C-alpha atoms as a PDB file:
ATOM      1  CA  UNK A   1      96.933 114.323 113.282  1.00  0.00           C
ATOM      2  CA  UNK A   2      95.968 113.198 109.786  1.00  0.00           C
ATOM      3  CA  UNK A   3      97.375 110.027 108.133  1.00  0.00           C
ATOM      4  CA  UNK A   4      97.972 109.568 104.478  1.00  0.00           C
ATOM      5  CA  UNK A   5      97.082 106.871 102.073  1.00  0.00           C
ATOM      6  CA  UNK A   6      99.462 105.306  99.621  1.00  0.00           C
ATOM      7  CA  UNK A   7      98.851 102.830  96.827  1.00  0.00           C
ATOM      8  CA  UNK A   8     101.544 100.350  95.688  1.00  0.00           C
ATOM      9  CA  UNK A   9     100.696  99.154  92.251  1.00  0.00           C
ATOM     10  CA  UNK A  10     101.837  98.696  88.652  1.00  0.00           C
ATOM     11  CA  UNK A  11     102.279 101.803  86.478  1.00  0.00           C
ATOM     12  CA  UNK A  12      99.232 100.873  84.320  1.00  0.00           C
ATOM     13  CA  UNK A  13      97.075 100.809  87.407  1.00  0.00           C
ATOM     14  CA  UNK A  14      98.556 103.852  89.114  1.00  0.00           C
ATOM     15  CA  UNK A  15      96.950 106.226  86.686  1.00  0.00           C
ATOM     16  CA  UNK A  16      93.467 105.379  87.868  1.00  0.00           C
ATOM     17  CA  UNK A  17      94.316 105.838  91.527  1.00  0.00           C
ATOM     18  CA  UNK A  18      96.079 109.166  90.807  1.00  0.00           C
ATOM     19  CA  UNK A  19      92.940 110.374  89.008  1.00  0.00           C
ATOM     20  CA  UNK A  20      91.139 109.561  92.135  1.00  0.00           C
ATOM     21  CA  UNK A  21      93.438 111.778  94.100  1.00  0.00           C
ATOM     22  CA  UNK A  22      95.545 109.030  95.798  1.00  0.00           C
ATOM     23  CA  UNK A  23      99.327 109.077  96.028  1.00  0.00           C
ATOM     24  CA  UNK A  24     100.780 106.087  94.194  1.00  0.00           C
ATOM     25  CA  UNK A  25     104.049 104.231  94.413  1.00  0.00           C
ATOM     26  CA  UNK A  26     104.780 102.388  91.190  1.00  0.00           C
ATOM     27  CA  UNK A  27     106.630  99.084  91.036  1.00  0.00           C
ATOM     28  CA  UNK A  28     107.246  96.844  88.150  1.00  0.00           C
ATOM     29  CA  UNK A  29     108.026  93.455  89.711  1.00  0.00           C
ATOM     30  CA  UNK A  30     106.552  91.656  92.709  1.00  0.00           C
ATOM     31  CA  UNK A  31     109.927  91.907  94.581  1.00  0.00           C
ATOM     32  CA  UNK A  32     110.104  95.653  93.840  1.00  0.00           C
ATOM     33  CA  UNK A  33     106.592  96.136  95.063  1.00  0.00           C
ATOM     34  CA  UNK A  34     107.196  94.068  98.256  1.00  0.00           C
ATOM     35  CA  UNK A  35     110.284  96.312  98.923  1.00  0.00           C
ATOM     36  CA  UNK A  36     108.446  99.574  98.354  1.00  0.00           C
ATOM     37  CA  UNK A  37     105.615  98.286 100.629  1.00  0.00           C
ATOM     38  CA  UNK A  38     108.103  97.544 103.471  1.00  0.00           C
ATOM     39  CA  UNK A  39     109.693 100.971 103.018  1.00  0.00           C
ATOM     40  CA  UNK A  40     106.201 102.651 103.426  1.00  0.00           C
ATOM     41  CA  UNK A  41     105.331 100.590 106.537  1.00  0.00           C
ATOM     42  CA  UNK A  42     108.071 102.428 108.508  1.00  0.00           C
ATOM     43  CA  UNK A  43     106.805 105.950 107.680  1.00  0.00           C
ATOM     44  CA  UNK A  44     104.769 107.254 110.593  1.00  0.00           C
ATOM     45  CA  UNK A  45     102.588 109.730 108.565  1.00  0.00           C
ATOM     46  CA  UNK A  46     100.982 106.868 106.553  1.00  0.00           C
ATOM     47  CA  UNK A  47      97.851 105.326 107.917  1.00  0.00           C
ATOM     48  CA  UNK A  48      96.743 103.062 105.037  1.00  0.00           C
ATOM     49  CA  UNK A  49      98.739 101.285 102.368  1.00  0.00           C
ATOM     50  CA  UNK A  50      96.681  99.737  99.537  1.00  0.00           C
ATOM     51  CA  UNK A  51      98.898  97.006  97.954  1.00  0.00           C
ATOM     52  CA  UNK A  52      98.162  95.235  94.633  1.00  0.00           C
ATOM     53  CA  UNK A  53      97.793  91.528  95.510  1.00  0.00           C
ATOM     54  CA  UNK A  54     100.780  90.366  93.407  1.00  0.00           C
ATOM     55  CA  UNK A  55     103.019  92.635  95.439  1.00  0.00           C
ATOM     56  CA  UNK A  56     101.488  91.623  98.771  1.00  0.00           C
ATOM     57  CA  UNK A  57     101.984  87.929  97.931  1.00  0.00           C
ATOM     58  CA  UNK A  58     105.646  88.592  97.421  1.00  0.00           C
ATOM     59  CA  UNK A  59     105.985  89.418 101.077  1.00  0.00           C
ATOM     60  CA  UNK A  60     107.095  86.476 103.235  1.00  0.00           C
ATOM     61  CA  UNK A  61     104.544  84.949 105.415  1.00  0.00           C
ATOM     62  CA  UNK A  62     106.292  86.210 108.527  1.00  0.00           C
ATOM     63  CA  UNK A  63     106.288  89.750 107.202  1.00  0.00           C
ATOM     64  CA  UNK A  64     102.563  89.557 106.300  1.00  0.00           C
ATOM     65  CA  UNK A  65     101.738  88.394 109.819  1.00  0.00           C
ATOM     66  CA  UNK A  66     103.919  91.147 111.362  1.00  0.00           C
ATOM     67  CA  UNK A  67     102.244  93.792 109.187  1.00  0.00           C
ATOM     68  CA  UNK A  68      98.849  92.370 109.905  1.00  0.00           C
ATOM     69  CA  UNK A  69      99.415  92.686 113.690  1.00  0.00           C
ATOM     70  CA  UNK A  70     100.305  96.416 113.426  1.00  0.00           C
ATOM     71  CA  UNK A  71      97.671  99.040 114.164  1.00  0.00           C
ATOM     72  CA  UNK A  72      99.124 101.550 111.716  1.00  0.00           C
ATOM     73  CA  UNK A  73      99.604 101.589 108.863  1.00  0.00           C
ATOM     74  CA  UNK A  74      96.883  99.194 107.785  1.00  0.00           C
ATOM     75  CA  UNK A  75      98.152  97.219 104.836  1.00  0.00           C
ATOM     76  CA  UNK A  76      95.249  96.212 102.584  1.00  0.00           C
ATOM     77  CA  UNK A  77      95.798  94.044  99.520  1.00  0.00           C
ATOM     78  CA  UNK A  78      93.533  94.575  96.539  1.00  0.00           C
ATOM     79  CA  UNK A  79      93.044  92.540  93.368  1.00  0.00           C
ATOM     80  CA  UNK A  80      94.670  94.097  90.349  1.00  0.00           C
ATOM     81  CA  UNK A  81      92.962  94.131  86.949  1.00  0.00           C
ATOM     82  CA  UNK A  82      92.898  90.856  85.042  1.00  0.00           C
ATOM     83  CA  UNK A  83      92.518  90.999  81.281  1.00  0.00           C
ATOM     84  CA  UNK A  84      91.235  87.425  80.877  1.00  0.00           C
ATOM     85  CA  UNK A  85      89.374  84.835  82.790  1.00  0.00           C
ATOM     86  CA  UNK A  86      90.035  85.037  86.431  1.00  0.00           C
ATOM     87  CA  UNK A  87      90.420  81.678  88.081  1.00  0.00           C
ATOM     88  CA  UNK A  88      89.565  82.752  91.643  1.00  0.00           C
ATOM     89  CA  UNK A  89      85.986  83.747  92.503  1.00  0.00           C
ATOM     90  CA  UNK A  90      85.014  86.430  94.932  1.00  0.00           C
ATOM     91  CA  UNK A  91      83.773  83.781  97.371  1.00  0.00           C
ATOM     92  CA  UNK A  92      87.185  82.047  97.393  1.00  0.00           C
ATOM     93  CA  UNK A  93      88.827  85.322  98.155  1.00  0.00           C
ATOM     94  CA  UNK A  94      86.450  85.936 101.112  1.00  0.00           C
ATOM     95  CA  UNK A  95      87.098  82.423 102.354  1.00  0.00           C
ATOM     96  CA  UNK A  96      90.828  83.022 102.322  1.00  0.00           C
ATOM     97  CA  UNK A  97      90.434  86.289 104.299  1.00  0.00           C
ATOM     98  CA  UNK A  98      88.303  84.449 106.821  1.00  0.00           C
ATOM     99  CA  UNK A  99      90.845  81.584 107.085  1.00  0.00           C
ATOM    100  CA  UNK A 100      93.578  84.114 107.802  1.00  0.00           C
ATOM    101  CA  UNK A 101      91.461  85.873 110.479  1.00  0.00           C
ATOM    102  CA  UNK A 102      90.139  82.911 112.384  1.00  0.00           C
ATOM    103  CA  UNK A 103      92.787  80.286 111.658  1.00  0.00           C
ATOM    104  CA  UNK A 104      90.831  77.695 109.752  1.00  0.00           C
ATOM    105  CA  UNK A 105      88.857  77.303 106.443  1.00  0.00           C
ATOM    106  CA  UNK A 106      85.124  77.814 106.424  1.00  0.00           C
ATOM    107  CA  UNK A 107      82.542  76.964 103.823  1.00  0.00           C
ATOM    108  CA  UNK A 108      80.100  79.591 102.566  1.00  0.00           C
ATOM    109  CA  UNK A 109      76.692  78.548 101.548  1.00  0.00           C
END
């Protein structure tokens, strides 16, 4: 049995994923993106849901934890494009992922 991949993102980002052959679900607001993500989670034929970070962050903490405990579909947030100076570095993003996984903040050297 094969599982599908869906991408929940803004319309201006969706075109790039569609060109790469991925099925996209477009959303305009964080609340809309969170709702569309939740709708996809209940579909048994989907194995991976890539979610633009602004939509993932609109999910409540309880929903993020519940989705994170599920085997399928895997919900993977990704950073959307930024047309300016990005305040968060790649290292701080990795530190946050580690904090969520192990339960406390670590320092990278």
